Amino acid sequence: MTDRDHVGEILANWERERPDLDASPIGVFGRIARINRRLDTHLDKFLYPHGLTLGLFDVLAALRRVGHPHRAKPSELAATSLLTSGGMTGRLDQLEGLGLVKRVSDPNDRRVTFAQLSAGGLALIDTLFAEHLKREAALLSGLGAEQQIQLAALLEVVESTVSANRSL
């Protein structure tokens, strides 16, 4: 059994053992899970030499996306990453320790603190994100442009359906 047909083999096994059940969702969710595990490994290997994890990379990318001056409240960053404020504080502490983020007080309200990309953090995320996009494009090279658009649209529908399912 090759990696490429692993899920197909699982489906065939269920068809043999329980032909009364429709195991076809495994064809979608099994492959999504396998792809996700491989992507995590792929990203870990890419980010490790830079002292980053996927979580830290996500924070840098979120700060870069907000535009100049590349700053946001920790609570805003936590909301975009589905983290608790405590979880975000830990990530910001790590990034600050690496010199990639600095904390800046709001000049209008000293109770408010922002996380802001440092010059080094901005340079790093710009370099890494460009390379990250090249690497992801290479992973999709087996699909044509139209197929990539169709796949993205289908996955959006699946994500929406899963998100709307309150029983999960």
C-alpha atoms as a PDB file:
ATOM      1  CA  MET A   1       0.000   0.000   0.000  1.00  0.00           C
ATOM      2  CA  THR A   2       1.484   3.356  -1.034  1.00  0.00           C
ATOM      3  CA  ASP A   3       0.931   6.622   0.794  1.00  0.00           C
ATOM      4  CA  ARG A   4      -1.127   7.874  -2.116  1.00  0.00           C
ATOM      5  CA  ASP A   5      -3.772   5.178  -1.810  1.00  0.00           C
ATOM      6  CA  HIS A   6      -3.726   4.697   1.974  1.00  0.00           C
ATOM      7  CA  VAL A   7      -7.167   6.273   2.436  1.00  0.00           C
ATOM      8  CA  GLY A   8      -8.479   4.340  -0.552  1.00  0.00           C
ATOM      9  CA  GLU A   9      -7.324   1.129   1.106  1.00  0.00           C
ATOM     10  CA  ILE A  10      -9.117   2.093   4.320  1.00  0.00           C
ATOM     11  CA  LEU A  11     -12.285   2.756   2.334  1.00  0.00           C
ATOM     12  CA  ALA A  12     -11.987  -0.615   0.586  1.00  0.00           C
ATOM     13  CA  ASN A  13     -11.553  -2.326   3.958  1.00  0.00           C
ATOM     14  CA  TRP A  14     -14.714  -0.708   5.343  1.00  0.00           C
ATOM     15  CA  GLU A  15     -16.625  -1.586   2.179  1.00  0.00           C
ATOM     16  CA  ARG A  16     -15.590  -5.212   2.671  1.00  0.00           C
ATOM     17  CA  GLU A  17     -16.266  -5.286   6.415  1.00  0.00           C
ATOM     18  CA  ARG A  18     -19.337  -3.041   6.642  1.00  0.00           C
ATOM     19  CA  PRO A  19     -20.932  -2.712   3.192  1.00  0.00           C
ATOM     20  CA  ASP A  20     -24.077  -1.455   4.927  1.00  0.00           C
ATOM     21  CA  LEU A  21     -22.302   1.790   5.873  1.00  0.00           C
ATOM     22  CA  ASP A  22     -21.321   4.707   3.658  1.00  0.00           C
ATOM     23  CA  ALA A  23     -17.700   5.322   4.640  1.00  0.00           C
ATOM     24  CA  SER A  24     -17.146   7.903   1.879  1.00  0.00           C
ATOM     25  CA  PRO A  25     -16.619  10.810   4.339  1.00  0.00           C
ATOM     26  CA  ILE A  26     -13.322   9.122   5.237  1.00  0.00           C
ATOM     27  CA  GLY A  27     -12.242   9.826   1.664  1.00  0.00           C
ATOM     28  CA  VAL A  28     -12.480  13.541   2.400  1.00  0.00           C
ATOM     29  CA  PHE A  29     -11.663  13.876   6.089  1.00  0.00           C
ATOM     30  CA  GLY A  30      -9.031  11.138   6.134  1.00  0.00           C
ATOM     31  CA  ARG A  31      -7.166  12.862   3.338  1.00  0.00           C
ATOM     32  CA  ILE A  32      -7.539  16.284   4.950  1.00  0.00           C
ATOM     33  CA  ALA A  33      -6.109  14.878   8.192  1.00  0.00           C
ATOM     34  CA  ARG A  34      -3.183  13.205   6.410  1.00  0.00           C
ATOM     35  CA  ILE A  35      -2.443  16.361   4.402  1.00  0.00           C
ATOM     36  CA  ASN A  36      -2.583  18.455   7.577  1.00  0.00           C
ATOM     37  CA  ARG A  37      -0.071  16.223   9.376  1.00  0.00           C
ATOM     38  CA  ARG A  38       2.312  16.400   6.429  1.00  0.00           C
ATOM     39  CA  LEU A  39       1.933  20.174   6.133  1.00  0.00           C
ATOM     40  CA  ASP A  40       2.672  20.592   9.847  1.00  0.00           C
ATOM     41  CA  THR A  41       5.891  18.587   9.419  1.00  0.00           C
ATOM     42  CA  HIS A  42       6.754  20.534   6.255  1.00  0.00           C
ATOM     43  CA  LEU A  43       6.272  23.860   8.076  1.00  0.00           C
ATOM     44  CA  ASP A  44       8.094  22.739  11.208  1.00  0.00           C
ATOM     45  CA  LYS A  45      11.175  21.872   9.137  1.00  0.00           C
ATOM     46  CA  PHE A  46      10.950  25.224   7.325  1.00  0.00           C
ATOM     47  CA  LEU A  47      10.540  27.345  10.471  1.00  0.00           C
ATOM     48  CA  TYR A  48      12.883  25.504  12.858  1.00  0.00           C
ATOM     49  CA  PRO A  49      16.139  27.022  11.512  1.00  0.00           C
ATOM     50  CA  HIS A  50      14.670  30.468  12.231  1.00  0.00           C
ATOM     51  CA  GLY A  51      13.787  29.594  15.827  1.00  0.00           C
ATOM     52  CA  LEU A  52      10.080  29.718  15.072  1.00  0.00           C
ATOM     53  CA  THR A  53       7.068  27.470  15.502  1.00  0.00           C
ATOM     54  CA  LEU A  54       3.913  27.625  13.431  1.00  0.00           C
ATOM     55  CA  GLY A  55       2.216  29.532  16.267  1.00  0.00           C
ATOM     56  CA  LEU A  56       4.948  32.179  16.359  1.00  0.00           C
ATOM     57  CA  PHE A  57       4.933  32.424  12.561  1.00  0.00           C
ATOM     58  CA  ASP A  58       1.156  32.977  12.669  1.00  0.00           C
ATOM     59  CA  VAL A  59       1.556  35.907  15.078  1.00  0.00           C
ATOM     60  CA  LEU A  60       4.234  37.512  12.913  1.00  0.00           C
ATOM     61  CA  ALA A  61       2.036  37.049   9.834  1.00  0.00           C
ATOM     62  CA  ALA A  62      -0.995  38.510  11.630  1.00  0.00           C
ATOM     63  CA  LEU A  63       1.000  41.595  12.619  1.00  0.00           C
ATOM     64  CA  ARG A  64       2.297  41.950   9.058  1.00  0.00           C
ATOM     65  CA  ARG A  65      -1.219  41.711   7.604  1.00  0.00           C
ATOM     66  CA  VAL A  66      -2.604  44.592   9.667  1.00  0.00           C
ATOM     67  CA  GLY A  67      -0.425  47.047   7.745  1.00  0.00           C
ATOM     68  CA  HIS A  68       1.814  49.853   8.895  1.00  0.00           C
ATOM     69  CA  PRO A  69       2.789  50.290  11.714  1.00  0.00           C
ATOM     70  CA  HIS A  70       2.271  46.496  12.068  1.00  0.00           C
ATOM     71  CA  ARG A  71       0.791  46.645  15.526  1.00  0.00           C
ATOM     72  CA  ALA A  72      -2.265  45.185  17.236  1.00  0.00           C
ATOM     73  CA  LYS A  73      -3.621  44.611  20.715  1.00  0.00           C
ATOM     74  CA  PRO A  74      -2.852  41.153  22.077  1.00  0.00           C
ATOM     75  CA  SER A  75      -6.602  40.526  22.432  1.00  0.00           C
ATOM     76  CA  GLU A  76      -7.074  41.233  18.707  1.00  0.00           C
ATOM     77  CA  LEU A  77      -4.253  38.852  17.831  1.00  0.00           C
ATOM     78  CA  ALA A  78      -5.703  36.191  20.132  1.00  0.00           C
ATOM     79  CA  ALA A  79      -9.090  36.485  18.421  1.00  0.00           C
ATOM     80  CA  THR A  80      -7.580  35.973  14.953  1.00  0.00           C
ATOM     81  CA  SER A  81      -5.698  32.877  16.082  1.00  0.00           C
ATOM     82  CA  LEU A  82      -8.406  31.382  18.332  1.00  0.00           C
ATOM     83  CA  LEU A  83      -6.072  31.573  21.330  1.00  0.00           C
ATOM     84  CA  THR A  84      -6.774  32.699  24.843  1.00  0.00           C
ATOM     85  CA  SER A  85      -5.196  35.988  25.894  1.00  0.00           C
ATOM     86  CA  GLY A  86      -2.846  33.996  28.133  1.00  0.00           C
ATOM     87  CA  GLY A  87      -1.764  31.863  25.185  1.00  0.00           C
ATOM     88  CA  MET A  88      -1.101  34.963  23.120  1.00  0.00           C
ATOM     89  CA  THR A  89       0.885  36.525  25.956  1.00  0.00           C
ATOM     90  CA  GLY A  90       3.174  33.493  25.936  1.00  0.00           C
ATOM     91  CA  ARG A  91       3.720  33.742  22.200  1.00  0.00           C
ATOM     92  CA  LEU A  92       4.393  37.471  22.401  1.00  0.00           C
ATOM     93  CA  ASP A  93       6.878  36.884  25.229  1.00  0.00           C
ATOM     94  CA  GLN A  94       8.754  34.423  23.017  1.00  0.00           C
ATOM     95  CA  LEU A  95       8.735  36.758  20.017  1.00  0.00           C
ATOM     96  CA  GLU A  96       9.858  39.669  22.172  1.00  0.00           C
ATOM     97  CA  GLY A  97      12.687  37.506  23.512  1.00  0.00           C
ATOM     98  CA  LEU A  98      13.742  36.789  19.921  1.00  0.00           C
ATOM     99  CA  GLY A  99      13.723  40.531  19.173  1.00  0.00           C
ATOM    100  CA  LEU A 100      10.987  40.123  16.546  1.00  0.00           C
ATOM    101  CA  VAL A 101       8.192  41.935  18.397  1.00  0.00           C
ATOM    102  CA  LYS A 102       8.143  44.801  20.851  1.00  0.00           C
ATOM    103  CA  ARG A 103       5.419  45.953  23.168  1.00  0.00           C
ATOM    104  CA  VAL A 104       4.367  49.574  22.716  1.00  0.00           C
ATOM    105  CA  SER A 105       2.110  51.619  25.006  1.00  0.00           C
ATOM    106  CA  ASP A 106      -0.844  53.476  23.554  1.00  0.00           C
ATOM    107  CA  PRO A 107       0.027  57.187  23.797  1.00  0.00           C
ATOM    108  CA  ASN A 108      -3.655  57.983  24.484  1.00  0.00           C
ATOM    109  CA  ASP A 109      -4.251  55.316  27.120  1.00  0.00           C
ATOM    110  CA  ARG A 110      -1.314  53.900  29.074  1.00  0.00           C
ATOM    111  CA  ARG A 111      -3.437  50.922  30.144  1.00  0.00           C
ATOM    112  CA  VAL A 112      -3.405  49.682  26.539  1.00  0.00           C
ATOM    113  CA  THR A 113      -0.369  47.909  25.135  1.00  0.00           C
ATOM    114  CA  PHE A 114       0.196  46.913  21.537  1.00  0.00           C
ATOM    115  CA  ALA A 115       2.386  44.210  20.065  1.00  0.00           C
ATOM    116  CA  GLN A 116       4.370  45.602  17.145  1.00  0.00           C
ATOM    117  CA  LEU A 117       6.779  44.029  14.703  1.00  0.00           C
ATOM    118  CA  SER A 118      10.346  45.160  15.222  1.00  0.00           C
ATOM    119  CA  ALA A 119      12.398  46.035  12.147  1.00  0.00           C
ATOM    120  CA  GLY A 120      13.979  42.587  12.364  1.00  0.00           C
ATOM    121  CA  GLY A 121      10.574  40.939  12.747  1.00  0.00           C
ATOM    122  CA  LEU A 122       9.244  42.764   9.690  1.00  0.00           C
ATOM    123  CA  ALA A 123      12.260  41.761   7.600  1.00  0.00           C
ATOM    124  CA  LEU A 124      12.011  38.139   8.755  1.00  0.00           C
ATOM    125  CA  ILE A 125       8.285  37.716   8.113  1.00  0.00           C
ATOM    126  CA  ASP A 126       8.599  39.357   4.693  1.00  0.00           C
ATOM    127  CA  THR A 127      11.361  36.915   3.735  1.00  0.00           C
ATOM    128  CA  LEU A 128       9.745  33.848   5.267  1.00  0.00           C
ATOM    129  CA  PHE A 129       6.263  34.526   3.950  1.00  0.00           C
ATOM    130  CA  ALA A 130       7.481  34.934   0.371  1.00  0.00           C
ATOM    131  CA  GLU A 131       9.348  31.623   0.661  1.00  0.00           C
ATOM    132  CA  HIS A 132       6.362  29.988   2.373  1.00  0.00           C
ATOM    133  CA  LEU A 133       4.098  30.922  -0.553  1.00  0.00           C
ATOM    134  CA  LYS A 134       6.599  29.466  -3.044  1.00  0.00           C
ATOM    135  CA  ARG A 135       6.735  26.239  -1.065  1.00  0.00           C
ATOM    136  CA  GLU A 136       2.944  25.982  -0.861  1.00  0.00           C
ATOM    137  CA  ALA A 137       2.611  26.690  -4.595  1.00  0.00           C
ATOM    138  CA  ALA A 138       5.047  23.852  -5.257  1.00  0.00           C
ATOM    139  CA  LEU A 139       2.897  21.523  -3.143  1.00  0.00           C
ATOM    140  CA  LEU A 140      -0.085  22.383  -5.344  1.00  0.00           C
ATOM    141  CA  SER A 141       1.826  22.007  -8.610  1.00  0.00           C
ATOM    142  CA  GLY A 142      -0.034  18.784  -9.427  1.00  0.00           C
ATOM    143  CA  LEU A 143      -3.195  20.835  -9.893  1.00  0.00           C
ATOM    144  CA  GLY A 144      -3.915  23.338 -12.634  1.00  0.00           C
ATOM    145  CA  ALA A 145      -4.971  26.890 -11.780  1.00  0.00           C
ATOM    146  CA  GLU A 146      -8.670  26.119 -12.328  1.00  0.00           C
ATOM    147  CA  GLN A 147      -8.450  22.984 -10.196  1.00  0.00           C
ATOM    148  CA  GLN A 148      -6.855  24.974  -7.381  1.00  0.00           C
ATOM    149  CA  ILE A 149      -9.710  27.489  -7.526  1.00  0.00           C
ATOM    150  CA  GLN A 150     -12.291  24.688  -7.497  1.00  0.00           C
ATOM    151  CA  LEU A 151     -10.578  22.900  -4.621  1.00  0.00           C
ATOM    152  CA  ALA A 152     -10.374  26.098  -2.556  1.00  0.00           C
ATOM    153  CA  ALA A 153     -14.085  26.749  -3.170  1.00  0.00           C
ATOM    154  CA  LEU A 154     -15.049  23.195  -2.205  1.00  0.00           C
ATOM    155  CA  LEU A 155     -12.936  23.321   0.944  1.00  0.00           C
ATOM    156  CA  GLU A 156     -14.593  26.616   1.865  1.00  0.00           C
ATOM    157  CA  VAL A 157     -17.978  24.885   1.680  1.00  0.00           C
ATOM    158  CA  VAL A 158     -16.727  21.960   3.788  1.00  0.00           C
ATOM    159  CA  GLU A 159     -15.256  24.331   6.381  1.00  0.00           C
ATOM    160  CA  SER A 160     -18.492  26.297   6.535  1.00  0.00           C
ATOM    161  CA  THR A 161     -20.554  23.132   6.952  1.00  0.00           C
ATOM    162  CA  VAL A 162     -18.262  21.801   9.674  1.00  0.00           C
ATOM    163  CA  SER A 163     -18.272  25.177  11.463  1.00  0.00           C
ATOM    164  CA  ALA A 164     -22.064  25.347  11.337  1.00  0.00           C
ATOM    165  CA  ASN A 165     -22.427  21.869  12.840  1.00  0.00           C
ATOM    166  CA  ARG A 166     -23.123  22.645  16.473  1.00  0.00           C
ATOM    167  CA  SER A 167     -22.709  19.017  17.527  1.00  0.00           C
ATOM    168  CA  LEU A 168     -18.931  19.147  16.992  1.00  0.00           C
END
